[in-house]
């Protein structure tokens, strides 16, 4: 099966077949029972564990299976508990974190989806994506792809999937305490762009459609409809929203009554169905009842389970395939387990292993990035990644804003700050001065906004939001 040159799956991996695990396929049945789902999860996890390399890795500089972390977390398995031959020193989380911290990762010519993919999977693996290492802040990396000329898009707008996955990553990868990490103004900007790209049939495709009547009238893709639905829901859009209802109707129109599968752009397959079900899961929509229970009593979850080999646990890509595919197995398991496109890391069973790992402080002299938004309260939102080299284990808001005047990507995030030195309250930013109750306030990692001062302490990995208002 061919795929577009810009894959809606972000060009993450090739389909890997492991014939040794191809034993028999579970028969299609009516609505999947809790026992069937539990068995599917157990077998699916076992198969994904078999994909781990001898060095503990799931990912490398090229094609990878790192999406396994989102599936494992959805199925209740912590990445730190996944080890080759029981060697805890090569546990999947530690090996993945080391890779992400490498200066040469992801490549000499990275794209925004590299960082979005890593954000979603680091989060699922129990690695705080803003605090991977002293030098790696994946949230800051994503912020650097904000499009000043087209606010709300991340990466080139023609590759709409980059914006969808920005919403999934920034809205789905919450703080360790479970709070929304990014400000509402940024979530709203992403939602506006995603809504503007919804096709007339209620779905989405991987490429930009906004402002193009021909593109908006084109048939949508099952895959990206699931992803875009999830992106809206993790950004705070309720499942009762009109655009979500239209997306549900589109998916319903693609159901195959005899199997419960969605008839995707590339034919009936596990990956497309997995993405559609994950979109429904992320919105809290049961994929086994109501609109998604066919006239013959089949559901999309039934179809996915029918694609799984038993007891091998892998999923085949096409119904006629005779061996499992690594990528289809990841998409299939994540969906059957009830996951969206990421999941909070489960508590590990390995003795002494924490649920989360994170860089706790800046390393003086080590260059890093911080994610910054500046909302003037009048519709002007600026988003950027700020490069700075801290001199201590913490820094200050004043130092971050000073660095942003010359070291922000994209540029123009901060053009000036008053006062320009000292520790006092910030009275003007980008030419907008405090006026009455409309003053500059600051939030870090989704905390309540409070008066912004140059002396405000900023810690490693903090996501900083400045807002002018009451």
Protein backbone atom coordinates (compact mmCIF):
# COMPACT_ATOMS: atom_id res chain seq x y z
CA UNK A 1 0.00 0.00 0.00
CA UNK A 2 1.34 3.41 -0.91
CA UNK A 3 1.27 6.39 1.41
CA UNK A 4 1.50 10.13 0.67
CA UNK A 5 4.98 11.62 0.56
CA UNK A 6 4.13 13.49 3.76
CA UNK A 7 2.70 10.68 5.83
CA UNK A 8 -0.11 11.43 8.25
CA UNK A 9 1.69 9.04 10.52
CA UNK A 10 4.65 11.42 10.65
CA UNK A 11 6.94 8.98 8.84
CA UNK A 12 7.77 7.16 12.04
CA UNK A 13 8.34 3.52 11.21
CA UNK A 14 8.18 0.75 8.70
CA UNK A 15 5.89 -2.22 9.04
CA UNK A 16 8.00 -4.98 10.56
CA UNK A 17 6.89 -8.59 10.16
CA UNK A 18 7.81 -11.26 12.68
CA UNK A 19 6.62 -14.51 11.20
CA UNK A 20 7.63 -16.49 14.26
CA UNK A 21 4.84 -14.80 16.19
CA UNK A 22 2.24 -15.46 13.49
CA UNK A 23 0.34 -18.40 14.95
CA UNK A 24 -3.40 -17.91 14.57
CA UNK A 25 -5.82 -15.01 14.37
CA UNK A 26 -8.60 -14.40 16.84
CA UNK A 27 -11.99 -14.89 15.16
CA UNK A 28 -14.20 -11.86 14.58
CA UNK A 29 -16.97 -11.65 17.16
CA UNK A 30 -19.73 -9.35 18.32
CA UNK A 31 -19.02 -6.50 20.73
CA UNK A 32 -15.68 -7.23 22.40
CA UNK A 33 -16.05 -8.27 26.03
CA UNK A 34 -13.85 -7.03 28.89
CA UNK A 35 -12.24 -10.47 29.00
CA UNK A 36 -11.41 -10.36 25.29
CA UNK A 37 -9.96 -6.87 25.64
CA UNK A 38 -7.88 -7.95 28.64
CA UNK A 39 -6.49 -10.91 26.69
CA UNK A 40 -5.76 -8.70 23.71
CA UNK A 41 -3.85 -6.29 25.95
CA UNK A 42 -1.83 -9.04 27.62
CA UNK A 43 -0.85 -10.62 24.31
CA UNK A 44 -0.25 -7.25 22.65
CA UNK A 45 2.11 -6.13 25.40
CA UNK A 46 4.04 -9.40 25.10
CA UNK A 47 4.47 -8.83 21.38
CA UNK A 48 5.65 -5.22 21.82
CA UNK A 49 8.15 -6.38 24.43
CA UNK A 50 9.56 -8.74 21.81
CA UNK A 51 10.36 -5.74 19.59
CA UNK A 52 12.88 -4.34 22.08
CA UNK A 53 16.44 -4.52 20.80
CA UNK A 54 19.22 -6.18 22.78
CA UNK A 55 20.54 -2.76 23.81
CA UNK A 56 17.14 -1.85 25.27
CA UNK A 57 16.10 0.48 22.46
CA UNK A 58 12.88 0.95 20.58
CA UNK A 59 14.13 3.98 18.68
CA UNK A 60 17.19 4.96 16.69
CA UNK A 61 18.26 7.70 14.33
CA UNK A 62 16.12 6.26 11.55
CA UNK A 63 12.86 4.34 11.47
CA UNK A 64 11.71 3.29 14.90
CA UNK A 65 9.06 1.66 17.05
CA UNK A 66 9.08 4.32 19.76
CA UNK A 67 5.30 4.71 19.47
CA UNK A 68 5.32 1.48 21.49
CA UNK A 69 5.62 3.63 24.63
CA UNK A 70 2.19 5.18 24.05
CA UNK A 71 0.67 1.74 23.50
CA UNK A 72 2.41 0.16 26.50
CA UNK A 73 1.29 2.98 28.80
CA UNK A 74 -2.29 2.72 27.51
CA UNK A 75 -2.18 -1.00 28.30
CA UNK A 76 -0.85 -0.39 31.82
CA UNK A 77 2.83 -1.28 31.33
CA UNK A 78 5.56 1.14 32.41
CA UNK A 79 8.46 1.59 30.00
CA UNK A 80 10.96 1.32 32.85
CA UNK A 81 9.68 -2.22 33.46
CA UNK A 82 10.50 -3.29 29.88
CA UNK A 83 13.99 -4.78 29.79
CA UNK A 84 15.93 -7.05 27.44
CA UNK A 85 16.48 -10.33 29.21
CA UNK A 86 15.72 -8.76 32.58
CA UNK A 87 18.69 -6.35 32.40
CA UNK A 88 17.33 -3.32 34.29
CA UNK A 89 20.33 -1.21 33.25
CA UNK A 90 18.94 -1.33 29.69
CA UNK A 91 15.34 -0.58 30.56
CA UNK A 92 13.43 1.04 27.71
CA UNK A 93 12.87 4.37 29.47
CA UNK A 94 16.50 4.99 30.34
CA UNK A 95 17.70 4.07 26.87
CA UNK A 96 15.08 6.31 25.22
CA UNK A 97 15.92 9.24 27.51
CA UNK A 98 19.61 8.91 26.67
CA UNK A 99 18.77 8.99 22.96
CA UNK A 100 16.59 12.10 23.27
CA UNK A 101 19.31 13.89 25.23
CA UNK A 102 21.91 13.28 22.52
CA UNK A 103 22.94 16.51 20.79
CA UNK A 104 22.73 14.91 17.33
CA UNK A 105 19.17 13.71 17.87
CA UNK A 106 16.89 13.71 15.89
CA UNK A 107 18.88 14.63 12.77
CA UNK A 108 20.77 17.40 11.05
CA UNK A 109 17.51 18.64 9.51
CA UNK A 110 14.75 18.07 12.08
CA UNK A 111 11.08 18.82 11.51
CA UNK A 112 8.44 19.71 14.08
CA UNK A 113 6.89 16.24 14.05
CA UNK A 114 10.17 14.77 15.32
CA UNK A 115 9.72 16.73 18.54
CA UNK A 116 5.97 16.15 18.75
CA UNK A 117 6.41 12.39 18.40
CA UNK A 118 9.09 12.44 21.07
CA UNK A 119 6.95 14.57 23.40
CA UNK A 120 4.03 12.14 23.23
CA UNK A 121 6.20 9.08 23.75
CA UNK A 122 8.52 10.53 26.37
CA UNK A 123 5.46 11.48 28.39
CA UNK A 124 4.05 7.96 28.08
CA UNK A 125 7.43 6.52 29.08
CA UNK A 126 7.51 8.61 32.26
CA UNK A 127 10.05 11.16 31.03
CA UNK A 128 8.96 14.76 31.64
CA UNK A 129 9.24 16.07 28.04
CA UNK A 130 10.21 19.56 29.20
CA UNK A 131 12.98 18.14 31.39
CA UNK A 132 14.61 15.34 29.42
CA UNK A 133 18.10 16.57 30.30
CA UNK A 134 20.02 19.73 31.11
CA UNK A 135 20.03 20.61 27.43
CA UNK A 136 16.85 18.97 26.07
CA UNK A 137 13.40 20.53 26.49
CA UNK A 138 11.01 18.99 23.97
CA UNK A 139 8.25 21.51 24.72
CA UNK A 140 10.72 24.29 23.97
CA UNK A 141 11.72 22.49 20.77
CA UNK A 142 8.08 22.35 19.58
CA UNK A 143 7.47 26.03 20.43
CA UNK A 144 10.29 26.96 18.06
CA UNK A 145 8.16 25.90 15.06
CA UNK A 146 5.35 28.42 15.69
CA UNK A 147 4.50 30.29 12.51
CA UNK A 148 4.46 34.05 13.09
CA UNK A 149 2.94 34.65 9.65
CA UNK A 150 0.15 32.12 10.30
CA UNK A 151 -0.48 32.08 14.06
CA UNK A 152 -1.79 28.77 15.30
CA UNK A 153 0.21 26.63 12.87
CA UNK A 154 3.33 24.72 13.89
CA UNK A 155 5.72 23.93 11.08
CA UNK A 156 4.82 24.71 7.45
CA UNK A 157 1.04 25.07 7.30
CA UNK A 158 0.87 22.93 4.14
CA UNK A 159 1.78 19.97 6.38
CA UNK A 160 -1.31 20.31 8.56
CA UNK A 161 -0.42 17.15 10.47
CA UNK A 162 2.35 19.13 12.21
CA UNK A 163 -0.28 21.41 13.75
CA UNK A 164 -2.55 18.53 14.73
CA UNK A 165 0.31 16.79 16.48
CA UNK A 166 1.38 20.04 18.14
CA UNK A 167 -2.04 20.14 19.78
CA UNK A 168 -1.80 16.46 20.72
CA UNK A 169 1.68 16.88 22.19
CA UNK A 170 1.24 20.22 23.94
CA UNK A 171 -2.23 19.43 25.26
CA UNK A 172 -1.74 15.73 25.90
CA UNK A 173 1.63 15.79 27.65
CA UNK A 174 0.57 17.33 30.91
CA UNK A 175 2.75 18.14 33.90
CA UNK A 176 3.80 15.44 36.33
CA UNK A 177 0.95 16.62 38.58
CA UNK A 178 -1.55 16.23 35.74
CA UNK A 179 -2.08 19.92 35.02
CA UNK A 180 -2.37 21.52 31.59
CA UNK A 181 1.13 22.75 30.83
CA UNK A 182 0.34 25.38 28.16
CA UNK A 183 -1.92 28.44 28.47
CA UNK A 184 -5.51 28.59 27.24
CA UNK A 185 -4.63 31.24 24.66
CA UNK A 186 -2.28 28.84 22.88
CA UNK A 187 -4.77 25.96 23.05
CA UNK A 188 -7.44 28.25 21.58
CA UNK A 189 -5.14 29.27 18.73
CA UNK A 190 -4.52 25.63 17.84
CA UNK A 191 -8.22 24.80 18.04
CA UNK A 192 -9.07 27.65 15.66
CA UNK A 193 -6.70 26.29 13.00
CA UNK A 194 -7.88 22.71 13.40
CA UNK A 195 -11.51 23.77 13.04
CA UNK A 196 -10.65 25.80 9.93
CA UNK A 197 -9.23 22.68 8.26
CA UNK A 198 -12.26 20.45 8.82
CA UNK A 199 -13.55 19.18 5.48
CA UNK A 200 -17.14 19.50 4.35
CA UNK A 201 -17.70 15.79 5.05
CA UNK A 202 -16.77 16.30 8.72
CA UNK A 203 -13.29 14.81 8.66
CA UNK A 204 -9.72 15.94 8.09
CA UNK A 205 -6.70 15.08 5.96
CA UNK A 206 -2.97 15.40 6.61
CA UNK A 207 -2.55 18.47 4.38
CA UNK A 208 -3.87 22.00 4.76
CA UNK A 209 -7.41 22.71 3.56
CA UNK A 210 -8.14 26.07 5.18
CA UNK A 211 -9.14 28.70 2.61
CA UNK A 212 -9.18 26.19 -0.26
CA UNK A 213 -12.73 25.22 -1.35
CA UNK A 214 -11.45 22.32 -3.44
CA UNK A 215 -9.45 20.86 -0.56
CA UNK A 216 -12.31 21.35 1.89
CA UNK A 217 -14.61 19.47 -0.50
CA UNK A 218 -12.19 16.54 -0.84
CA UNK A 219 -12.83 13.21 0.90
CA UNK A 220 -11.28 13.05 4.34
CA UNK A 221 -8.88 10.46 5.75
CA UNK A 222 -9.88 8.12 8.60
CA UNK A 223 -6.40 8.43 10.17
CA UNK A 224 -6.26 12.20 10.43
CA UNK A 225 -9.90 12.46 11.44
CA UNK A 226 -9.08 10.40 14.50
CA UNK A 227 -5.97 12.47 15.22
CA UNK A 228 -7.74 15.82 14.71
CA UNK A 229 -10.65 14.79 16.92
CA UNK A 230 -8.20 13.84 19.65
CA UNK A 231 -6.30 17.12 19.17
CA UNK A 232 -9.48 19.11 19.72
CA UNK A 233 -10.51 17.12 22.77
CA UNK A 234 -7.11 17.27 24.53
CA UNK A 235 -7.24 21.03 23.90
CA UNK A 236 -10.46 21.30 25.89
CA UNK A 237 -13.17 20.91 23.23
CA UNK A 238 -16.08 18.84 24.65
CA UNK A 239 -17.38 15.72 22.93
CA UNK A 240 -20.74 17.50 22.45
CA UNK A 241 -19.13 20.14 20.21
CA UNK A 242 -20.60 20.49 16.70
CA UNK A 243 -17.28 19.76 14.99
CA UNK A 244 -16.80 16.60 17.05
CA UNK A 245 -20.35 15.53 16.17
CA UNK A 246 -19.61 16.05 12.48
CA UNK A 247 -16.41 14.02 12.78
CA UNK A 248 -18.35 11.20 14.46
CA UNK A 249 -20.85 11.26 11.62
CA UNK A 250 -18.02 11.01 9.08
CA UNK A 251 -16.52 8.01 10.84
CA UNK A 252 -19.92 6.37 11.16
CA UNK A 253 -20.42 6.75 7.41
CA UNK A 254 -17.26 4.71 6.81
CA UNK A 255 -18.22 1.72 8.97
CA UNK A 256 -18.34 -1.68 7.29
CA UNK A 257 -21.43 -3.41 8.79
CA UNK A 258 -20.12 -6.96 8.50
CA UNK A 259 -16.81 -6.37 10.31
CA UNK A 260 -17.03 -3.11 12.28
CA UNK A 261 -14.00 -1.79 10.40
CA UNK A 262 -13.68 1.72 9.00
CA UNK A 263 -13.22 1.77 5.24
CA UNK A 264 -10.19 4.03 5.08
CA UNK A 265 -8.62 5.93 2.17
CA UNK A 266 -6.15 3.06 1.74
CA UNK A 267 -8.70 0.33 2.34
CA UNK A 268 -9.61 -1.53 5.51
CA UNK A 269 -6.50 -1.76 7.72
CA UNK A 270 -5.42 -1.85 11.33
CA UNK A 271 -3.47 1.42 11.45
CA UNK A 272 -6.29 3.62 10.12
CA UNK A 273 -8.81 1.90 12.37
CA UNK A 274 -6.48 2.25 15.33
CA UNK A 275 -6.13 5.98 14.80
CA UNK A 276 -9.90 6.43 14.43
CA UNK A 277 -10.58 4.48 17.64
CA UNK A 278 -7.86 6.41 19.49
CA UNK A 279 -9.57 9.63 18.41
CA UNK A 280 -12.86 8.40 19.82
CA UNK A 281 -11.11 7.26 23.01
CA UNK A 282 -9.46 10.67 23.48
CA UNK A 283 -12.87 12.33 23.27
CA UNK A 284 -14.48 9.94 25.72
CA UNK A 285 -16.68 8.40 23.00
CA UNK A 286 -17.31 4.68 23.39
CA UNK A 287 -16.31 2.94 20.13
CA UNK A 288 -18.49 -0.07 20.95
CA UNK A 289 -21.93 1.49 21.41
CA UNK A 290 -24.38 3.77 19.67
CA UNK A 291 -23.10 5.04 16.33
CA UNK A 292 -20.28 2.51 16.28
CA UNK A 293 -22.28 -0.68 16.81
CA UNK A 294 -23.22 -1.93 13.34
CA UNK A 295 -26.46 -3.58 12.26
CA UNK A 296 -24.74 -6.97 12.53
CA UNK A 297 -23.50 -6.28 16.07
CA UNK A 298 -19.88 -5.52 15.16
CA UNK A 299 -17.69 -2.61 16.33
CA UNK A 300 -14.29 -1.12 15.41
CA UNK A 301 -12.80 -2.81 18.48
CA UNK A 302 -14.10 -6.16 17.25
CA UNK A 303 -12.33 -5.58 13.97
CA UNK A 304 -9.05 -4.67 15.64
CA UNK A 305 -9.10 -7.75 17.85
CA UNK A 306 -9.87 -9.89 14.79
CA UNK A 307 -6.62 -8.56 13.29
CA UNK A 308 -4.54 -9.83 16.21
CA UNK A 309 -2.63 -13.11 16.18
CA UNK A 310 -3.13 -15.36 19.19
CA UNK A 311 -1.23 -16.11 21.28
CA UNK A 312 1.55 -14.21 19.48
CA UNK A 313 -0.13 -10.86 20.19
CA UNK A 314 0.94 -8.96 17.08
CA UNK A 315 -1.60 -7.33 14.76
CA UNK A 316 -1.60 -7.70 11.00
CA UNK A 317 -1.90 -4.60 8.84
CA UNK A 318 -4.33 -5.89 6.18
CA UNK A 319 -6.96 -8.56 6.76
CA UNK A 320 -5.24 -10.85 4.27
CA UNK A 321 -1.77 -10.59 5.77
CA UNK A 322 -0.18 -13.70 7.24
CA UNK A 323 2.37 -12.04 9.58
CA UNK A 324 2.18 -9.23 12.14
CA UNK A 325 3.35 -5.67 11.56
CA UNK A 326 5.13 -3.80 14.34
CA UNK A 327 3.46 -0.51 13.57
CA UNK A 328 -0.02 -2.03 13.17
CA UNK A 329 0.52 -3.81 16.48
CA UNK A 330 1.29 -0.52 18.21
CA UNK A 331 -1.73 1.27 16.73
CA UNK A 332 -4.00 -1.70 17.36
CA UNK A 333 -3.00 -2.27 20.97
CA UNK A 334 -3.16 1.42 21.91
CA UNK A 335 -6.72 1.66 20.55
CA UNK A 336 -8.00 -1.61 22.04
CA UNK A 337 -6.53 -0.62 25.40
CA UNK A 338 -8.59 2.58 25.37
CA UNK A 339 -5.74 4.98 24.67
CA UNK A 340 -5.66 8.21 22.72
CA UNK A 341 -2.32 9.24 21.24
CA UNK A 342 -0.46 9.23 24.55
CA UNK A 343 -1.15 8.21 28.13
CA UNK A 344 0.16 9.08 31.57
CA UNK A 345 2.85 6.60 32.62
CA UNK A 346 1.64 3.75 34.84
CA UNK A 347 3.24 3.19 38.22
CA UNK A 348 6.25 0.88 37.72
CA UNK A 349 6.47 -2.54 39.30
CA UNK A 350 10.28 -2.44 39.33
CA UNK A 351 11.37 -1.89 42.92
CA UNK A 352 12.58 1.65 43.53
CA UNK A 353 11.76 2.89 40.03
CA UNK A 354 9.97 6.26 40.05
CA UNK A 355 6.93 6.94 37.89
CA UNK A 356 8.71 9.98 36.44
CA UNK A 357 12.27 10.99 35.66
CA UNK A 358 13.19 14.62 34.99
CA UNK A 359 16.05 17.10 35.02
CA UNK A 360 15.63 18.81 38.37
CA UNK A 361 17.79 21.90 37.84
CA UNK A 362 19.74 23.82 35.24
CA UNK A 363 23.37 22.88 34.82
CA UNK A 364 25.37 26.13 34.95
CA UNK A 365 27.08 26.77 31.62
CA UNK A 366 24.96 24.24 29.67
CA UNK A 367 22.87 25.80 26.91
CA UNK A 368 19.17 24.96 27.01
CA UNK A 369 15.75 26.15 25.85
CA UNK A 370 12.58 27.35 27.53
CA UNK A 371 9.06 27.58 26.11
CA UNK A 372 7.54 31.09 26.27
CA UNK A 373 4.22 32.65 25.31
CA UNK A 374 3.39 36.37 25.50
CA UNK A 375 -0.31 37.29 25.36
CA UNK A 376 -0.99 41.03 25.18
CA UNK A 377 -4.64 40.54 26.11
CA UNK A 378 -5.83 42.12 22.87
CA UNK A 379 -5.54 39.14 20.55
CA UNK A 380 -1.80 39.33 20.03
CA UNK A 381 -0.17 36.01 20.97
CA UNK A 382 3.54 35.39 20.53
CA UNK A 383 5.08 31.94 20.95
CA UNK A 384 8.77 31.08 20.94
CA UNK A 385 11.58 28.89 22.15
CA UNK A 386 14.13 30.89 24.14
CA UNK A 387 17.77 29.83 24.01
CA UNK A 388 19.82 30.68 27.07
CA UNK A 389 22.83 29.48 29.01
CA UNK A 390 22.03 29.68 32.74
CA UNK A 391 24.70 30.66 35.21
CA UNK A 392 23.07 28.90 38.14
CA UNK A 393 20.75 26.01 38.95
CA UNK A 394 17.79 28.37 38.53
CA UNK A 395 17.32 31.55 36.56
CA UNK A 396 14.92 34.51 36.66
CA UNK A 397 12.10 35.75 34.49
CA UNK A 398 14.11 38.87 33.80
CA UNK A 399 17.01 36.81 32.47
CA UNK A 400 14.65 34.78 30.26
CA UNK A 401 13.03 37.88 28.78
CA UNK A 402 16.43 39.50 28.18
CA UNK A 403 17.56 36.34 26.38
CA UNK A 404 14.35 36.31 24.33
CA UNK A 405 15.06 39.72 22.81
CA UNK A 406 17.92 38.24 20.80
CA UNK A 407 17.73 34.47 21.27
CA UNK A 408 14.13 33.51 20.47
CA UNK A 409 12.90 31.20 17.71
CA UNK A 410 10.87 32.46 15.97
CA UNK A 411 12.15 35.96 16.53
CA UNK A 412 10.04 38.87 17.74
CA UNK A 413 8.65 37.18 20.82
CA UNK A 414 10.06 39.91 23.07
CA UNK A 415 11.04 43.28 21.63
CA UNK A 416 11.51 45.11 24.90
CA UNK A 417 10.90 44.85 28.63
CA UNK A 418 10.57 47.51 31.34
CA UNK A 419 12.40 47.70 33.63
CA UNK A 420 15.43 46.44 31.76
CA UNK A 421 17.29 45.49 34.94
CA UNK A 422 16.78 44.91 38.62
CA UNK A 423 14.24 42.69 40.36
CA UNK A 424 11.05 44.74 40.31
CA UNK A 425 7.63 44.30 38.74
CA UNK A 426 7.44 44.21 34.96
CA UNK A 427 5.58 47.34 33.96
CA UNK A 428 5.74 47.07 30.16
CA UNK A 429 6.43 44.37 27.62
CA UNK A 430 6.58 44.72 23.85
CA UNK A 431 5.35 48.29 24.15
CA UNK A 432 2.27 47.36 26.19
CA UNK A 433 2.34 49.04 29.57
CA UNK A 434 0.43 48.23 32.72
CA UNK A 435 -2.77 50.26 32.96
CA UNK A 436 -5.05 50.09 35.98
CA UNK A 437 -5.95 46.47 36.61
CA UNK A 438 -4.53 45.43 33.24
CA UNK A 439 -1.06 44.37 34.34
CA UNK A 440 1.49 41.79 33.25
CA UNK A 441 1.13 38.47 35.01
CA UNK A 442 3.08 35.22 34.75
CA UNK A 443 2.32 31.51 35.02
CA UNK A 444 4.68 28.54 34.92
CA UNK A 445 3.55 25.02 34.04
CA UNK A 446 -0.11 26.02 34.19
CA UNK A 447 0.00 27.62 37.63
CA UNK A 448 -2.34 30.50 38.50
CA UNK A 449 -1.29 33.81 36.95
CA UNK A 450 0.36 36.23 39.39
CA UNK A 451 2.14 39.56 39.11
CA UNK A 452 5.22 39.30 36.89
CA UNK A 453 8.52 40.44 38.36
CA UNK A 454 12.03 40.26 36.97
CA UNK A 455 13.01 38.36 40.12
CA UNK A 456 10.49 35.56 39.52
CA UNK A 457 12.39 32.27 39.85
CA UNK A 458 12.36 30.07 36.75
CA UNK A 459 13.34 26.43 37.05
CA UNK A 460 14.63 23.97 34.48
CA UNK A 461 11.92 23.06 31.99
CA UNK A 462 9.35 25.59 33.15
CA UNK A 463 6.78 26.47 30.49
CA UNK A 464 6.37 30.23 30.88
CA UNK A 465 3.20 32.15 30.00
CA UNK A 466 2.96 35.94 30.26
CA UNK A 467 -0.43 37.63 29.99
CA UNK A 468 -1.58 41.24 30.21
CA UNK A 469 -4.96 41.58 31.84
CA UNK A 470 -6.99 41.90 35.03
